[in-house]
Amino acid sequence: MGYSCWLDQNAASITRQALRQAVASSRIFLLFLSEGVLTRPFGLCEVETAMGLEKQIMLMHETDGWHGAFDFGADEVKQAPATVSQLFLDHESLPWRRRRFEQDAILRELIK
């Protein structure tokens, strides 16, 4: 849709420093919530960096169980650091869908 996006899974080097640098150079931080994301050290590093830099944060969550749907009632949400848990109170999470027509619609909403 004409935007440049950095995706950690496509990065040549994934270190804490590389993640911090990528977050620092981004205008907006999109946290894609999937099963286990809040228990992964690098995921938490990205979130905490974005929060520390006061980046605009947006949330999107996986809805498909085959792809690790995010469960807002799961223990990982309850066990997340308090600062990260606050994100769920301060930000709405948009659902990620797998059908192309739904993806286009949700991406347009995200961009708004």
PDB file of N, CA and C in Angstrom:
ATOM      1  N   MET A   1       0.826  -1.206   0.000  1.00  0.00           N
ATOM      2  CA  MET A   1       0.000   0.000   0.000  1.00  0.00           C
ATOM      3  C   MET A   1       0.865   1.263   0.000  1.00  0.00           C
ATOM      4  N   GLY A   2       2.131   1.104  -0.367  1.00  0.00           N
ATOM      5  CA  GLY A   2       2.992   2.264  -0.505  1.00  0.00           C
ATOM      6  C   GLY A   2       3.786   2.661   0.731  1.00  0.00           C
ATOM      7  N   TYR A   3       3.758   1.834   1.761  1.00  0.00           N
ATOM      8  CA  TYR A   3       4.486   2.138   2.985  1.00  0.00           C
ATOM      9  C   TYR A   3       5.687   1.216   3.116  1.00  0.00           C
ATOM     10  N   SER A   4       6.727   1.731   3.725  1.00  0.00           N
ATOM     11  CA  SER A   4       7.920   0.934   3.989  1.00  0.00           C
ATOM     12  C   SER A   4       7.805   0.357   5.399  1.00  0.00           C
ATOM     13  N   CYS A   5       7.938  -0.956   5.505  1.00  0.00           N
ATOM     14  CA  CYS A   5       7.789  -1.619   6.801  1.00  0.00           C
ATOM     15  C   CYS A   5       9.016  -2.477   7.093  1.00  0.00           C
ATOM     16  N   TRP A   6       9.439  -2.460   8.345  1.00  0.00           N
ATOM     17  CA  TRP A   6      10.517  -3.331   8.786  1.00  0.00           C
ATOM     18  C   TRP A   6       9.870  -4.478   9.550  1.00  0.00           C
ATOM     19  N   LEU A   7      10.227  -5.678   9.203  1.00  0.00           N
ATOM     20  CA  LEU A   7       9.682  -6.867   9.843  1.00  0.00           C
ATOM     21  C   LEU A   7      10.840  -7.666  10.412  1.00  0.00           C
ATOM     22  N   ASP A   8      10.786  -7.912  11.714  1.00  0.00           N
ATOM     23  CA  ASP A   8      11.922  -8.594  12.350  1.00  0.00           C
ATOM     24  C   ASP A   8      12.223  -9.955  11.738  1.00  0.00           C
ATOM     25  N   GLN A   9      11.220 -10.642  11.247  1.00  0.00           N
ATOM     26  CA  GLN A   9      11.451 -11.966  10.663  1.00  0.00           C
ATOM     27  C   GLN A   9      12.210 -11.896   9.343  1.00  0.00           C
ATOM     28  N   ASN A  10      12.255 -10.717   8.724  1.00  0.00           N
ATOM     29  CA  ASN A  10      12.976 -10.547   7.466  1.00  0.00           C
ATOM     30  C   ASN A  10      14.357  -9.916   7.666  1.00  0.00           C
ATOM     31  N   ALA A  11      14.711  -9.652   8.896  1.00  0.00           N
ATOM     32  CA  ALA A  11      15.975  -8.965   9.192  1.00  0.00           C
ATOM     33  C   ALA A  11      17.167  -9.895   8.989  1.00  0.00           C
ATOM     34  N   ALA A  12      18.262  -9.317   8.489  1.00  0.00           N
ATOM     35  CA  ALA A  12      19.486 -10.088   8.292  1.00  0.00           C
ATOM     36  C   ALA A  12      20.120 -10.453   9.631  1.00  0.00           C
ATOM     37  N   SER A  13      19.984  -9.563  10.609  1.00  0.00           N
ATOM     38  CA  SER A  13      20.573  -9.778  11.927  1.00  0.00           C
ATOM     39  C   SER A  13      19.532  -9.502  13.000  1.00  0.00           C
ATOM     40  N   ILE A  14      19.321 -10.475  13.856  1.00  0.00           N
ATOM     41  CA  ILE A  14      18.367 -10.263  14.943  1.00  0.00           C
ATOM     42  C   ILE A  14      19.126 -10.361  16.252  1.00  0.00           C
ATOM     43  N   THR A  15      19.486  -9.198  16.744  1.00  0.00           N
ATOM     44  CA  THR A  15      20.100  -9.061  18.056  1.00  0.00           C
ATOM     45  C   THR A  15      19.291  -8.009  18.800  1.00  0.00           C
ATOM     46  N   ARG A  16      19.489  -7.913  20.085  1.00  0.00           N
ATOM     47  CA  ARG A  16      18.774  -6.876  20.843  1.00  0.00           C
ATOM     48  C   ARG A  16      19.103  -5.486  20.291  1.00  0.00           C
ATOM     49  N   GLN A  17      20.364  -5.267  19.968  1.00  0.00           N
ATOM     50  CA  GLN A  17      20.770  -3.959  19.438  1.00  0.00           C
ATOM     51  C   GLN A  17      20.095  -3.677  18.097  1.00  0.00           C
ATOM     52  N   ALA A  18      20.043  -4.683  17.215  1.00  0.00           N
ATOM     53  CA  ALA A  18      19.408  -4.509  15.905  1.00  0.00           C
ATOM     54  C   ALA A  18      17.911  -4.213  16.068  1.00  0.00           C
ATOM     55  N   LEU A  19      17.260  -4.909  17.013  1.00  0.00           N
ATOM     56  CA  LEU A  19      15.840  -4.665  17.259  1.00  0.00           C
ATOM     57  C   LEU A  19      15.614  -3.252  17.781  1.00  0.00           C
ATOM     58  N   ARG A  20      16.441  -2.838  18.734  1.00  0.00           N
ATOM     59  CA  ARG A  20      16.304  -1.483  19.290  1.00  0.00           C
ATOM     60  C   ARG A  20      16.506  -0.425  18.207  1.00  0.00           C
ATOM     61  N   GLN A  21      17.492  -0.638  17.359  1.00  0.00           N
ATOM     62  CA  GLN A  21      17.775   0.302  16.266  1.00  0.00           C
ATOM     63  C   GLN A  21      16.585   0.393  15.310  1.00  0.00           C
ATOM     64  N   ALA A  22      16.018  -0.750  14.949  1.00  0.00           N
ATOM     65  CA  ALA A  22      14.878  -0.766  14.031  1.00  0.00           C
ATOM     66  C   ALA A  22      13.679  -0.052  14.644  1.00  0.00           C
ATOM     67  N   VAL A  23      13.410  -0.314  15.900  1.00  0.00           N
ATOM     68  CA  VAL A  23      12.281   0.356  16.570  1.00  0.00           C
ATOM     69  C   VAL A  23      12.540   1.857  16.648  1.00  0.00           C
ATOM     70  N   ALA A  24      13.754   2.237  16.985  1.00  0.00           N
ATOM     71  CA  ALA A  24      14.101   3.656  17.106  1.00  0.00           C
ATOM     72  C   ALA A  24      13.930   4.386  15.779  1.00  0.00           C
ATOM     73  N   SER A  25      14.210   3.718  14.657  1.00  0.00           N
ATOM     74  CA  SER A  25      14.123   4.374  13.361  1.00  0.00           C
ATOM     75  C   SER A  25      12.724   4.307  12.744  1.00  0.00           C
ATOM     76  N   SER A  26      11.807   3.661  13.423  1.00  0.00           N
ATOM     77  CA  SER A  26      10.434   3.543  12.924  1.00  0.00           C
ATOM     78  C   SER A  26       9.570   4.687  13.429  1.00  0.00           C
ATOM     79  N   ARG A  27       8.643   5.094  12.596  1.00  0.00           N
ATOM     80  CA  ARG A  27       7.710   6.147  12.993  1.00  0.00           C
ATOM     81  C   ARG A  27       6.604   5.594  13.894  1.00  0.00           C
ATOM     82  N   ILE A  28       6.139   4.398  13.553  1.00  0.00           N
ATOM     83  CA  ILE A  28       5.048   3.748  14.288  1.00  0.00           C
ATOM     84  C   ILE A  28       5.491   2.318  14.603  1.00  0.00           C
ATOM     85  N   PHE A  29       5.118   1.850  15.792  1.00  0.00           N
ATOM     86  CA  PHE A  29       5.434   0.480  16.178  1.00  0.00           C
ATOM     87  C   PHE A  29       4.146  -0.327  16.189  1.00  0.00           C
ATOM     88  N   LEU A  30       4.102  -1.362  15.370  1.00  0.00           N
ATOM     89  CA  LEU A  30       2.946  -2.259  15.322  1.00  0.00           C
ATOM     90  C   LEU A  30       3.338  -3.549  16.036  1.00  0.00           C
ATOM     91  N   LEU A  31       2.646  -3.835  17.117  1.00  0.00           N
ATOM     92  CA  LEU A  31       2.873  -5.086  17.842  1.00  0.00           C
ATOM     93  C   LEU A  31       1.849  -6.090  17.343  1.00  0.00           C
ATOM     94  N   PHE A  32       2.359  -7.124  16.672  1.00  0.00           N
ATOM     95  CA  PHE A  32       1.486  -8.187  16.176  1.00  0.00           C
ATOM     96  C   PHE A  32       1.402  -9.253  17.257  1.00  0.00           C
ATOM     97  N   LEU A  33       0.232  -9.381  17.831  1.00  0.00           N
ATOM     98  CA  LEU A  33       0.012 -10.309  18.940  1.00  0.00           C
ATOM     99  C   LEU A  33      -0.345 -11.694  18.416  1.00  0.00           C
ATOM    100  N   SER A  34       0.490 -12.660  18.769  1.00  0.00           N
ATOM    101  CA  SER A  34       0.213 -14.059  18.457  1.00  0.00           C
ATOM    102  C   SER A  34       0.571 -14.862  19.697  1.00  0.00           C
ATOM    103  N   GLU A  35       0.191 -16.101  19.699  1.00  0.00           N
ATOM    104  CA  GLU A  35       0.433 -16.962  20.853  1.00  0.00           C
ATOM    105  C   GLU A  35       1.906 -16.941  21.252  1.00  0.00           C
ATOM    106  N   GLY A  36       2.172 -16.621  22.510  1.00  0.00           N
ATOM    107  CA  GLY A  36       3.521 -16.665  23.040  1.00  0.00           C
ATOM    108  C   GLY A  36       4.343 -15.404  22.872  1.00  0.00           C
ATOM    109  N   VAL A  37       3.834 -14.414  22.153  1.00  0.00           N
ATOM    110  CA  VAL A  37       4.639 -13.224  21.865  1.00  0.00           C
ATOM    111  C   VAL A  37       5.105 -12.506  23.132  1.00  0.00           C
ATOM    112  N   LEU A  38       4.308 -12.515  24.172  1.00  0.00           N
ATOM    113  CA  LEU A  38       4.669 -11.793  25.392  1.00  0.00           C
ATOM    114  C   LEU A  38       5.607 -12.589  26.299  1.00  0.00           C
ATOM    115  N   THR A  39       5.945 -13.796  25.869  1.00  0.00           N
ATOM    116  CA  THR A  39       6.893 -14.602  26.643  1.00  0.00           C
ATOM    117  C   THR A  39       8.258 -14.666  25.966  1.00  0.00           C
ATOM    118  N   ARG A  40       8.365 -14.087  24.772  1.00  0.00           N
ATOM    119  CA  ARG A  40       9.627 -14.126  24.022  1.00  0.00           C
ATOM    120  C   ARG A  40      10.477 -12.907  24.361  1.00  0.00           C
ATOM    121  N   PRO A  41      11.724 -13.126  24.747  1.00  0.00           N
ATOM    122  CA  PRO A  41      12.591 -11.998  25.142  1.00  0.00           C
ATOM    123  C   PRO A  41      12.732 -10.923  24.077  1.00  0.00           C
ATOM    124  N   PHE A  42      12.884 -11.301  22.802  1.00  0.00           N
ATOM    125  CA  PHE A  42      13.051 -10.288  21.763  1.00  0.00           C
ATOM    126  C   PHE A  42      11.761  -9.505  21.535  1.00  0.00           C
ATOM    127  N   GLY A  43      10.621 -10.190  21.635  1.00  0.00           N
ATOM    128  CA  GLY A  43       9.339  -9.491  21.506  1.00  0.00           C
ATOM    129  C   GLY A  43       9.171  -8.449  22.598  1.00  0.00           C
ATOM    130  N   LEU A  44       9.495  -8.834  23.819  1.00  0.00           N
ATOM    131  CA  LEU A  44       9.414  -7.885  24.934  1.00  0.00           C
ATOM    132  C   LEU A  44      10.420  -6.751  24.768  1.00  0.00           C
ATOM    133  N   CYS A  45      11.595  -7.054  24.237  1.00  0.00           N
ATOM    134  CA  CYS A  45      12.611  -6.030  23.984  1.00  0.00           C
ATOM    135  C   CYS A  45      12.066  -4.978  23.019  1.00  0.00           C
ATOM    136  N   GLU A  46      11.426  -5.421  21.953  1.00  0.00           N
ATOM    137  CA  GLU A  46      10.855  -4.487  20.972  1.00  0.00           C
ATOM    138  C   GLU A  46       9.788  -3.606  21.618  1.00  0.00           C
ATOM    139  N   VAL A  47       8.875  -4.224  22.351  1.00  0.00           N
ATOM    140  CA  VAL A  47       7.778  -3.477  22.982  1.00  0.00           C
ATOM    141  C   VAL A  47       8.321  -2.471  23.989  1.00  0.00           C
ATOM    142  N   GLU A  48       9.216  -2.917  24.846  1.00  0.00           N
ATOM    143  CA  GLU A  48       9.748  -2.029  25.876  1.00  0.00           C
ATOM    144  C   GLU A  48      10.561  -0.889  25.259  1.00  0.00           C
ATOM    145  N   THR A  49      11.249  -1.167  24.160  1.00  0.00           N
ATOM    146  CA  THR A  49      11.984  -0.108  23.460  1.00  0.00           C
ATOM    147  C   THR A  49      11.008   0.921  22.894  1.00  0.00           C
ATOM    148  N   ALA A  50       9.961   0.449  22.243  1.00  0.00           N
ATOM    149  CA  ALA A  50       8.957   1.367  21.672  1.00  0.00           C
ATOM    150  C   ALA A  50       8.320   2.223  22.765  1.00  0.00           C
ATOM    151  N   MET A  51       8.012   1.605  23.881  1.00  0.00           N
ATOM    152  CA  MET A  51       7.403   2.349  24.984  1.00  0.00           C
ATOM    153  C   MET A  51       8.386   3.361  25.561  1.00  0.00           C
ATOM    154  N   GLY A  52       9.634   2.953  25.730  1.00  0.00           N
ATOM    155  CA  GLY A  52      10.646   3.843  26.274  1.00  0.00           C
ATOM    156  C   GLY A  52      10.920   5.042  25.383  1.00  0.00           C
ATOM    157  N   LEU A  53      10.791   4.844  24.068  1.00  0.00           N
ATOM    158  CA  LEU A  53      11.004   5.924  23.101  1.00  0.00           C
ATOM    159  C   LEU A  53       9.712   6.706  22.816  1.00  0.00           C
ATOM    160  N   GLU A  54       8.640   6.310  23.497  1.00  0.00           N
ATOM    161  CA  GLU A  54       7.321   6.946  23.344  1.00  0.00           C
ATOM    162  C   GLU A  54       6.850   6.939  21.886  1.00  0.00           C
ATOM    163  N   LYS A  55       7.069   5.808  21.229  1.00  0.00           N
ATOM    164  CA  LYS A  55       6.603   5.629  19.859  1.00  0.00           C
ATOM    165  C   LYS A  55       5.087   5.475  19.853  1.00  0.00           C
ATOM    166  N   GLN A  56       4.477   5.858  18.748  1.00  0.00           N
ATOM    167  CA  GLN A  56       3.055   5.553  18.578  1.00  0.00           C
ATOM    168  C   GLN A  56       2.968   4.038  18.435  1.00  0.00           C
ATOM    169  N   ILE A  57       2.130   3.408  19.251  1.00  0.00           N
ATOM    170  CA  ILE A  57       2.020   1.945  19.251  1.00  0.00           C
ATOM    171  C   ILE A  57       0.626   1.545  18.784  1.00  0.00           C
ATOM    172  N   MET A  58       0.608   0.578  17.889  1.00  0.00           N
ATOM    173  CA  MET A  58      -0.649   0.017  17.408  1.00  0.00           C
ATOM    174  C   MET A  58      -0.598  -1.486  17.655  1.00  0.00           C
ATOM    175  N   LEU A  59      -1.757  -2.051  17.937  1.00  0.00           N
ATOM    176  CA  LEU A  59      -1.853  -3.494  18.194  1.00  0.00           C
ATOM    177  C   LEU A  59      -2.711  -4.171  17.134  1.00  0.00           C
ATOM    178  N   MET A  60      -2.281  -5.353  16.743  1.00  0.00           N
ATOM    179  CA  MET A  60      -3.064  -6.203  15.862  1.00  0.00           C
ATOM    180  C   MET A  60      -2.902  -7.625  16.384  1.00  0.00           C
ATOM    181  N   HIS A  61      -3.971  -8.411  16.365  1.00  0.00           N
ATOM    182  CA  HIS A  61      -3.869  -9.772  16.903  1.00  0.00           C
ATOM    183  C   HIS A  61      -4.285 -10.832  15.890  1.00  0.00           C
ATOM    184  N   GLU A  62      -3.563 -11.947  15.971  1.00  0.00           N
ATOM    185  CA  GLU A  62      -3.866 -13.116  15.149  1.00  0.00           C
ATOM    186  C   GLU A  62      -5.179 -13.718  15.632  1.00  0.00           C
ATOM    187  N   THR A  63      -6.055 -14.062  14.691  1.00  0.00           N
ATOM    188  CA  THR A  63      -7.349 -14.647  15.051  1.00  0.00           C
ATOM    189  C   THR A  63      -7.466 -16.111  14.658  1.00  0.00           C
ATOM    190  N   ASP A  64      -6.560 -16.588  13.837  1.00  0.00           N
ATOM    191  CA  ASP A  64      -6.628 -17.945  13.311  1.00  0.00           C
ATOM    192  C   ASP A  64      -5.844 -18.910  14.207  1.00  0.00           C
ATOM    193  N   GLY A  65      -6.534 -19.888  14.756  1.00  0.00           N
ATOM    194  CA  GLY A  65      -5.901 -20.875  15.629  1.00  0.00           C
ATOM    195  C   GLY A  65      -4.781 -21.651  14.959  1.00  0.00           C
ATOM    196  N   TRP A  66      -4.849 -21.842  13.666  1.00  0.00           N
ATOM    197  CA  TRP A  66      -3.799 -22.556  12.931  1.00  0.00           C
ATOM    198  C   TRP A  66      -2.503 -21.743  12.884  1.00  0.00           C
ATOM    199  N   HIS A  67      -2.616 -20.447  13.112  1.00  0.00           N
ATOM    200  CA  HIS A  67      -1.452 -19.555  13.035  1.00  0.00           C
ATOM    201  C   HIS A  67      -1.102 -18.959  14.393  1.00  0.00           C
ATOM    202  N   GLY A  68      -1.586 -19.566  15.469  1.00  0.00           N
ATOM    203  CA  GLY A  68      -1.247 -19.099  16.817  1.00  0.00           C
ATOM    204  C   GLY A  68      -2.097 -17.932  17.285  1.00  0.00           C
ATOM    205  N   ALA A  69      -3.412 -18.106  17.238  1.00  0.00           N
ATOM    206  CA  ALA A  69      -4.315 -17.035  17.664  1.00  0.00           C
ATOM    207  C   ALA A  69      -3.928 -16.516  19.045  1.00  0.00           C
ATOM    208  N   PHE A  70      -4.053 -15.216  19.225  1.00  0.00           N
ATOM    209  CA  PHE A  70      -3.713 -14.594  20.501  1.00  0.00           C
ATOM    210  C   PHE A  70      -4.921 -14.664  21.428  1.00  0.00           C
ATOM    211  N   ASP A  71      -4.700 -15.110  22.654  1.00  0.00           N
ATOM    212  CA  ASP A  71      -5.757 -15.250  23.654  1.00  0.00           C
ATOM    213  C   ASP A  71      -5.572 -14.165  24.711  1.00  0.00           C
ATOM    214  N   PHE A  72      -6.456 -13.169  24.704  1.00  0.00           N
ATOM    215  CA  PHE A  72      -6.349 -12.060  25.649  1.00  0.00           C
ATOM    216  C   PHE A  72      -6.575 -12.497  27.093  1.00  0.00           C
ATOM    217  N   GLY A  73      -7.155 -13.658  27.291  1.00  0.00           N
ATOM    218  CA  GLY A  73      -7.385 -14.166  28.641  1.00  0.00           C
ATOM    219  C   GLY A  73      -6.308 -15.133  29.116  1.00  0.00           C
ATOM    220  N   ALA A  74      -5.291 -15.337  28.304  1.00  0.00           N
ATOM    221  CA  ALA A  74      -4.245 -16.324  28.618  1.00  0.00           C
ATOM    222  C   ALA A  74      -3.342 -15.849  29.748  1.00  0.00           C
ATOM    223  N   ASP A  75      -2.667 -16.818  30.352  1.00  0.00           N
ATOM    224  CA  ASP A  75      -1.726 -16.523  31.432  1.00  0.00           C
ATOM    225  C   ASP A  75      -0.603 -15.594  30.989  1.00  0.00           C
ATOM    226  N   GLU A  76      -0.194 -15.701  29.716  1.00  0.00           N
ATOM    227  CA  GLU A  76       0.917 -14.857  29.268  1.00  0.00           C
ATOM    228  C   GLU A  76       0.571 -13.364  29.365  1.00  0.00           C
ATOM    229  N   VAL A  77      -0.681 -13.021  29.186  1.00  0.00           N
ATOM    230  CA  VAL A  77      -1.098 -11.616  29.327  1.00  0.00           C
ATOM    231  C   VAL A  77      -1.015 -11.218  30.791  1.00  0.00           C
ATOM    232  N   LYS A  78      -1.470 -12.102  31.657  1.00  0.00           N
ATOM    233  CA  LYS A  78      -1.452 -11.815  33.090  1.00  0.00           C
ATOM    234  C   LYS A  78      -0.037 -11.765  33.642  1.00  0.00           C
ATOM    235  N   GLN A  79       0.882 -12.524  33.051  1.00  0.00           N
ATOM    236  CA  GLN A  79       2.258 -12.595  33.539  1.00  0.00           C
ATOM    237  C   GLN A  79       3.183 -11.585  32.859  1.00  0.00           C
ATOM    238  N   ALA A  80       2.680 -10.858  31.886  1.00  0.00           N
ATOM    239  CA  ALA A  80       3.507  -9.858  31.195  1.00  0.00           C
ATOM    240  C   ALA A  80       3.869  -8.742  32.169  1.00  0.00           C
ATOM    241  N   PRO A  81       4.999  -8.076  31.932  1.00  0.00           N
ATOM    242  CA  PRO A  81       5.345  -6.941  32.793  1.00  0.00           C
ATOM    243  C   PRO A  81       4.201  -5.927  32.834  1.00  0.00           C
ATOM    244  N   ALA A  82       4.031  -5.283  33.968  1.00  0.00           N
ATOM    245  CA  ALA A  82       2.912  -4.340  34.154  1.00  0.00           C
ATOM    246  C   ALA A  82       2.884  -3.267  33.072  1.00  0.00           C
ATOM    247  N   THR A  83       4.046  -2.783  32.669  1.00  0.00           N
ATOM    248  CA  THR A  83       4.085  -1.740  31.645  1.00  0.00           C
ATOM    249  C   THR A  83       3.518  -2.249  30.321  1.00  0.00           C
ATOM    250  N   VAL A  84       3.807  -3.501  29.997  1.00  0.00           N
ATOM    251  CA  VAL A  84       3.303  -4.091  28.763  1.00  0.00           C
ATOM    252  C   VAL A  84       1.808  -4.377  28.883  1.00  0.00           C
ATOM    253  N   SER A  85       1.374  -4.857  30.023  1.00  0.00           N
ATOM    254  CA  SER A  85      -0.048  -5.126  30.239  1.00  0.00           C
ATOM    255  C   SER A  85      -0.882  -3.862  30.075  1.00  0.00           C
ATOM    256  N   GLN A  86      -0.303  -2.719  30.410  1.00  0.00           N
ATOM    257  CA  GLN A  86      -1.002  -1.443  30.280  1.00  0.00           C
ATOM    258  C   GLN A  86      -1.388  -1.165  28.829  1.00  0.00           C
ATOM    259  N   LEU A  87      -0.632  -1.698  27.887  1.00  0.00           N
ATOM    260  CA  LEU A  87      -0.947  -1.511  26.469  1.00  0.00           C
ATOM    261  C   LEU A  87      -2.365  -1.961  26.139  1.00  0.00           C
ATOM    262  N   PHE A  88      -2.804  -3.035  26.781  1.00  0.00           N
ATOM    263  CA  PHE A  88      -4.125  -3.584  26.483  1.00  0.00           C
ATOM    264  C   PHE A  88      -5.242  -2.686  26.997  1.00  0.00           C
ATOM    265  N   LEU A  89      -4.933  -1.857  27.971  1.00  0.00           N
ATOM    266  CA  LEU A  89      -5.913  -0.904  28.484  1.00  0.00           C
ATOM    267  C   LEU A  89      -5.916   0.383  27.665  1.00  0.00           C
ATOM    268  N   ASP A  90      -4.760   0.719  27.100  1.00  0.00           N
ATOM    269  CA  ASP A  90      -4.599   1.993  26.398  1.00  0.00           C
ATOM    270  C   ASP A  90      -4.798   1.913  24.890  1.00  0.00           C
ATOM    271  N   HIS A  91      -4.789   0.710  24.317  1.00  0.00           N
ATOM    272  CA  HIS A  91      -4.850   0.562  22.863  1.00  0.00           C
ATOM    273  C   HIS A  91      -5.855  -0.508  22.451  1.00  0.00           C
ATOM    274  N   GLU A  92      -6.589  -0.225  21.420  1.00  0.00           N
ATOM    275  CA  GLU A  92      -7.467  -1.233  20.822  1.00  0.00           C
ATOM    276  C   GLU A  92      -6.624  -2.119  19.914  1.00  0.00           C
ATOM    277  N   SER A  93      -6.932  -3.383  19.857  1.00  0.00           N
ATOM    278  CA  SER A  93      -6.235  -4.305  18.963  1.00  0.00           C
ATOM    279  C   SER A  93      -7.153  -4.655  17.802  1.00  0.00           C
ATOM    280  N   LEU A  94      -6.626  -4.512  16.604  1.00  0.00           N
ATOM    281  CA  LEU A  94      -7.397  -4.860  15.413  1.00  0.00           C
ATOM    282  C   LEU A  94      -7.167  -6.330  15.075  1.00  0.00           C
ATOM    283  N   PRO A  95      -8.197  -7.034  14.641  1.00  0.00           N
ATOM    284  CA  PRO A  95      -8.044  -8.460  14.310  1.00  0.00           C
ATOM    285  C   PRO A  95      -7.383  -8.650  12.948  1.00  0.00           C
ATOM    286  N   TRP A  96      -6.424  -9.563  12.858  1.00  0.00           N
ATOM    287  CA  TRP A  96      -5.808  -9.917  11.588  1.00  0.00           C
ATOM    288  C   TRP A  96      -6.585 -11.070  10.983  1.00  0.00           C
ATOM    289  N   ARG A  97      -6.949 -10.927   9.739  1.00  0.00           N
ATOM    290  CA  ARG A  97      -7.705 -11.956   9.015  1.00  0.00           C
ATOM    291  C   ARG A  97      -6.856 -12.506   7.879  1.00  0.00           C
ATOM    292  N   ARG A  98      -7.160 -13.687   7.441  1.00  0.00           N
ATOM    293  CA  ARG A  98      -6.362 -14.362   6.420  1.00  0.00           C
ATOM    294  C   ARG A  98      -6.911 -14.212   4.996  1.00  0.00           C
ATOM    295  N   ARG A  99      -8.167 -13.867   4.841  1.00  0.00           N
ATOM    296  CA  ARG A  99      -8.707 -13.701   3.495  1.00  0.00           C
ATOM    297  C   ARG A  99      -8.305 -12.339   2.940  1.00  0.00           C
ATOM    298  N   ARG A 100      -7.933 -12.306   1.679  1.00  0.00           N
ATOM    299  CA  ARG A 100      -7.376 -11.091   1.064  1.00  0.00           C
ATOM    300  C   ARG A 100      -8.302  -9.879   1.209  1.00  0.00           C
ATOM    301  N   PHE A 101      -9.609 -10.060   0.955  1.00  0.00           N
ATOM    302  CA  PHE A 101     -10.516  -8.914   1.038  1.00  0.00           C
ATOM    303  C   PHE A 101     -10.604  -8.391   2.471  1.00  0.00           C
ATOM    304  N   GLU A 102     -10.459  -9.269   3.450  1.00  0.00           N
ATOM    305  CA  GLU A 102     -10.451  -8.826   4.844  1.00  0.00           C
ATOM    306  C   GLU A 102      -9.132  -8.138   5.190  1.00  0.00           C
ATOM    307  N   GLN A 103      -8.031  -8.657   4.663  1.00  0.00           N
ATOM    308  CA  GLN A 103      -6.723  -8.037   4.903  1.00  0.00           C
ATOM    309  C   GLN A 103      -6.694  -6.611   4.364  1.00  0.00           C
ATOM    310  N   ASP A 104      -7.172  -6.428   3.157  1.00  0.00           N
ATOM    311  CA  ASP A 104      -7.190  -5.088   2.565  1.00  0.00           C
ATOM    312  C   ASP A 104      -8.003  -4.132   3.428  1.00  0.00           C
ATOM    313  N   ALA A 105      -9.141  -4.579   3.906  1.00  0.00           N
ATOM    314  CA  ALA A 105     -10.008  -3.723   4.725  1.00  0.00           C
ATOM    315  C   ALA A 105      -9.341  -3.375   6.053  1.00  0.00           C
ATOM    316  N   ILE A 106      -8.747  -4.338   6.706  1.00  0.00           N
ATOM    317  CA  ILE A 106      -8.144  -4.076   8.022  1.00  0.00           C
ATOM    318  C   ILE A 106      -6.875  -3.240   7.865  1.00  0.00           C
ATOM    319  N   LEU A 107      -6.125  -3.439   6.797  1.00  0.00           N
ATOM    320  CA  LEU A 107      -4.937  -2.603   6.569  1.00  0.00           C
ATOM    321  C   LEU A 107      -5.334  -1.155   6.279  1.00  0.00           C
ATOM    322  N   ARG A 108      -6.398  -0.953   5.540  1.00  0.00           N
ATOM    323  CA  ARG A 108      -6.880   0.418   5.302  1.00  0.00           C
ATOM    324  C   ARG A 108      -7.303   1.062   6.633  1.00  0.00           C
ATOM    325  N   GLU A 109      -7.941   0.310   7.481  1.00  0.00           N
ATOM    326  CA  GLU A 109      -8.353   0.823   8.807  1.00  0.00           C
ATOM    327  C   GLU A 109      -7.124   1.129   9.655  1.00  0.00           C
ATOM    328  N   LEU A 110      -6.152   0.290   9.612  1.00  0.00           N
ATOM    329  CA  LEU A 110      -4.913   0.486  10.365  1.00  0.00           C
ATOM    330  C   LEU A 110      -4.211   1.777   9.919  1.00  0.00           C
ATOM    331  N   ILE A 111      -4.171   2.004   8.630  1.00  0.00           N
ATOM    332  CA  ILE A 111      -3.507   3.177   8.078  1.00  0.00           C
ATOM    333  C   ILE A 111      -4.229   4.466   8.469  1.00  0.00           C
ATOM    334  N   LYS A 112      -5.549   4.400   8.595  1.00  0.00           N
ATOM    335  CA  LYS A 112      -6.306   5.606   9.012  1.00  0.00           C
ATOM    336  C   LYS A 112      -5.794   6.100  10.331  1.00  0.00           C
TER     337      LYS A 112
END
